Amino acid sequence: MVDTTRLLRAVDHFADRLRAAPQSRLQRGAAAEALGLARELACWAQRVEWPDREPREMPDAGMFAAADQITVAVHDLAVVLVSDAEVDEAVRLVEAAQKRAGV
């Protein structure tokens, strides 16, 4: 089992920043960026768990749910990661999405 603490901290920070962001920032793309990340991470986790099945796309639950969606996706992914390199890649994805989101 790999240590996913850095990953969980990174997503908690991003999610907290999204929750504190004004609605206008969410509407200008922060929520869409978070949803894109959540979808990417959810697909990654599904491909690991069920390699013979087409991943289902995470639905758009609205801009105010974006923080929860990235949190759920990362927690699902953290369970299936098997190497520090995978954790590093996931952290990189989270940090890059947060930067693009501007929060």
C-alpha atoms as a PDB file:
ATOM      1  CA  MET A   1       0.000   0.000   0.000  1.00  0.00           C
ATOM      2  CA  VAL A   2       1.380   3.396  -0.978  1.00  0.00           C
ATOM      3  CA  ASP A   3       1.247   6.564   1.079  1.00  0.00           C
ATOM      4  CA  THR A   4      -1.391   8.812  -0.469  1.00  0.00           C
ATOM      5  CA  THR A   5      -1.213  11.507   2.223  1.00  0.00           C
ATOM      6  CA  ARG A   6       0.232  14.110  -0.172  1.00  0.00           C
ATOM      7  CA  LEU A   7      -2.510  13.423  -2.672  1.00  0.00           C
ATOM      8  CA  LEU A   8      -5.274  13.687  -0.100  1.00  0.00           C
ATOM      9  CA  ARG A   9      -3.795  16.926   1.255  1.00  0.00           C
ATOM     10  CA  ALA A  10      -3.540  18.387  -2.244  1.00  0.00           C
ATOM     11  CA  VAL A  11      -7.158  17.640  -3.067  1.00  0.00           C
ATOM     12  CA  ASP A  12      -8.361  18.870   0.325  1.00  0.00           C
ATOM     13  CA  HIS A  13      -6.576  22.169  -0.325  1.00  0.00           C
ATOM     14  CA  PHE A  14      -8.110  22.483  -3.796  1.00  0.00           C
ATOM     15  CA  ALA A  15     -11.568  21.570  -2.506  1.00  0.00           C
ATOM     16  CA  ASP A  16     -11.313  24.082   0.355  1.00  0.00           C
ATOM     17  CA  ARG A  17     -10.310  26.813  -2.097  1.00  0.00           C
ATOM     18  CA  LEU A  18     -13.268  25.945  -4.336  1.00  0.00           C
ATOM     19  CA  ARG A  19     -15.672  26.063  -1.399  1.00  0.00           C
ATOM     20  CA  ALA A  20     -14.329  29.499  -0.424  1.00  0.00           C
ATOM     21  CA  ALA A  21     -14.370  30.870  -3.969  1.00  0.00           C
ATOM     22  CA  PRO A  22     -17.028  33.364  -4.970  1.00  0.00           C
ATOM     23  CA  GLN A  23     -19.731  32.188  -7.320  1.00  0.00           C
ATOM     24  CA  SER A  24     -18.340  34.406 -10.073  1.00  0.00           C
ATOM     25  CA  ARG A  25     -14.994  32.578  -9.967  1.00  0.00           C
ATOM     26  CA  LEU A  26     -16.748  29.213 -10.123  1.00  0.00           C
ATOM     27  CA  GLN A  27     -18.764  30.420 -13.101  1.00  0.00           C
ATOM     28  CA  ARG A  28     -15.655  31.695 -14.883  1.00  0.00           C
ATOM     29  CA  GLY A  29     -14.214  28.225 -15.084  1.00  0.00           C
ATOM     30  CA  ALA A  30     -12.998  27.045 -11.676  1.00  0.00           C
ATOM     31  CA  ALA A  31     -15.908  24.632 -11.284  1.00  0.00           C
ATOM     32  CA  ALA A  32     -15.512  23.325 -14.837  1.00  0.00           C
ATOM     33  CA  GLU A  33     -11.807  22.754 -14.229  1.00  0.00           C
ATOM     34  CA  ALA A  34     -12.593  20.823 -11.055  1.00  0.00           C
ATOM     35  CA  LEU A  35     -15.225  18.729 -12.828  1.00  0.00           C
ATOM     36  CA  GLY A  36     -12.738  17.925 -15.581  1.00  0.00           C
ATOM     37  CA  LEU A  37     -10.224  16.782 -12.980  1.00  0.00           C
ATOM     38  CA  ALA A  38     -12.838  14.728 -11.142  1.00  0.00           C
ATOM     39  CA  ARG A  39     -13.833  13.009 -14.377  1.00  0.00           C
ATOM     40  CA  GLU A  40     -10.217  12.284 -15.289  1.00  0.00           C
ATOM     41  CA  LEU A  41      -9.396  10.817 -11.887  1.00  0.00           C
ATOM     42  CA  ALA A  42     -12.630   8.826 -11.740  1.00  0.00           C
ATOM     43  CA  CYS A  43     -11.880   7.281 -15.150  1.00  0.00           C
ATOM     44  CA  TRP A  44      -8.354   6.430 -14.005  1.00  0.00           C
ATOM     45  CA  ALA A  45      -9.699   4.639 -10.921  1.00  0.00           C
ATOM     46  CA  GLN A  46     -12.323   2.774 -12.939  1.00  0.00           C
ATOM     47  CA  ARG A  47      -9.776   1.599 -15.509  1.00  0.00           C
ATOM     48  CA  VAL A  48      -7.650   0.144 -12.718  1.00  0.00           C
ATOM     49  CA  GLU A  49     -10.580  -1.524 -10.973  1.00  0.00           C
ATOM     50  CA  TRP A  50     -12.391  -2.756 -14.085  1.00  0.00           C
ATOM     51  CA  PRO A  51      -9.925  -2.845 -16.995  1.00  0.00           C
ATOM     52  CA  ASP A  52     -12.347  -4.731 -19.228  1.00  0.00           C
ATOM     53  CA  ARG A  53     -15.163  -2.195 -18.807  1.00  0.00           C
ATOM     54  CA  GLU A  54     -15.645   1.242 -20.357  1.00  0.00           C
ATOM     55  CA  PRO A  55     -15.441   3.876 -17.594  1.00  0.00           C
ATOM     56  CA  ARG A  56     -18.602   5.800 -16.799  1.00  0.00           C
ATOM     57  CA  GLU A  57     -18.379   9.576 -16.885  1.00  0.00           C
ATOM     58  CA  MET A  58     -18.938  11.429 -13.653  1.00  0.00           C
ATOM     59  CA  PRO A  59     -22.045  13.574 -14.099  1.00  0.00           C
ATOM     60  CA  ASP A  60     -22.051  17.332 -13.782  1.00  0.00           C
ATOM     61  CA  ALA A  61     -23.714  17.911 -10.403  1.00  0.00           C
ATOM     62  CA  GLY A  62     -23.412  21.693 -10.635  1.00  0.00           C
ATOM     63  CA  MET A  63     -20.743  24.203  -9.771  1.00  0.00           C
ATOM     64  CA  PHE A  64     -21.373  24.050  -6.038  1.00  0.00           C
ATOM     65  CA  ALA A  65     -20.702  20.294  -6.008  1.00  0.00           C
ATOM     66  CA  ALA A  66     -17.328  20.512  -7.772  1.00  0.00           C
ATOM     67  CA  ALA A  67     -15.310  20.433  -4.544  1.00  0.00           C
ATOM     68  CA  ASP A  68     -17.112  17.308  -3.386  1.00  0.00           C
ATOM     69  CA  GLN A  69     -16.700  15.659  -6.769  1.00  0.00           C
ATOM     70  CA  ILE A  70     -12.918  16.057  -6.825  1.00  0.00           C
ATOM     71  CA  THR A  71     -12.745  14.814  -3.235  1.00  0.00           C
ATOM     72  CA  VAL A  72     -14.749  11.682  -4.026  1.00  0.00           C
ATOM     73  CA  ALA A  73     -12.768  11.000  -7.199  1.00  0.00           C
ATOM     74  CA  VAL A  74      -9.413  11.312  -5.421  1.00  0.00           C
ATOM     75  CA  HIS A  75     -10.478   9.107  -2.544  1.00  0.00           C
ATOM     76  CA  ASP A  76     -11.626   6.436  -5.014  1.00  0.00           C
ATOM     77  CA  LEU A  77      -8.345   6.725  -6.895  1.00  0.00           C
ATOM     78  CA  ALA A  78      -6.216   6.646  -3.736  1.00  0.00           C
ATOM     79  CA  VAL A  79      -7.553   3.189  -2.931  1.00  0.00           C
ATOM     80  CA  VAL A  80      -6.291   1.687  -6.198  1.00  0.00           C
ATOM     81  CA  LEU A  81      -2.914   3.396  -6.611  1.00  0.00           C
ATOM     82  CA  VAL A  82      -0.015   0.973  -6.333  1.00  0.00           C
ATOM     83  CA  SER A  83       3.124   3.082  -6.680  1.00  0.00           C
ATOM     84  CA  ASP A  84       4.658   6.321  -5.519  1.00  0.00           C
ATOM     85  CA  ALA A  85       4.987   7.323  -9.168  1.00  0.00           C
ATOM     86  CA  GLU A  86       1.212   7.079  -9.569  1.00  0.00           C
ATOM     87  CA  VAL A  87       0.715   9.194  -6.451  1.00  0.00           C
ATOM     88  CA  ASP A  88       3.163  11.757  -7.836  1.00  0.00           C
ATOM     89  CA  GLU A  89       1.247  11.875 -11.128  1.00  0.00           C
ATOM     90  CA  ALA A  90      -2.095  12.296  -9.363  1.00  0.00           C
ATOM     91  CA  VAL A  91      -0.692  15.108  -7.184  1.00  0.00           C
ATOM     92  CA  ARG A  92       0.652  16.794 -10.319  1.00  0.00           C
ATOM     93  CA  LEU A  93      -2.790  16.587 -11.955  1.00  0.00           C
ATOM     94  CA  VAL A  94      -4.512  18.066  -8.896  1.00  0.00           C
ATOM     95  CA  GLU A  95      -2.012  20.908  -8.530  1.00  0.00           C
ATOM     96  CA  ALA A  96      -2.135  21.738 -12.237  1.00  0.00           C
ATOM     97  CA  ALA A  97      -5.947  21.814 -12.233  1.00  0.00           C
ATOM     98  CA  GLN A  98      -5.963  24.065  -9.186  1.00  0.00           C
ATOM     99  CA  LYS A  99      -3.560  26.449 -10.887  1.00  0.00           C
ATOM    100  CA  ARG A 100      -5.688  26.516 -14.053  1.00  0.00           C
ATOM    101  CA  ALA A 101      -8.807  27.078 -11.920  1.00  0.00           C
ATOM    102  CA  GLY A 102      -7.207  30.109 -10.330  1.00  0.00           C
ATOM    103  CA  VAL A 103      -8.139  29.270  -6.777  1.00  0.00           C
END
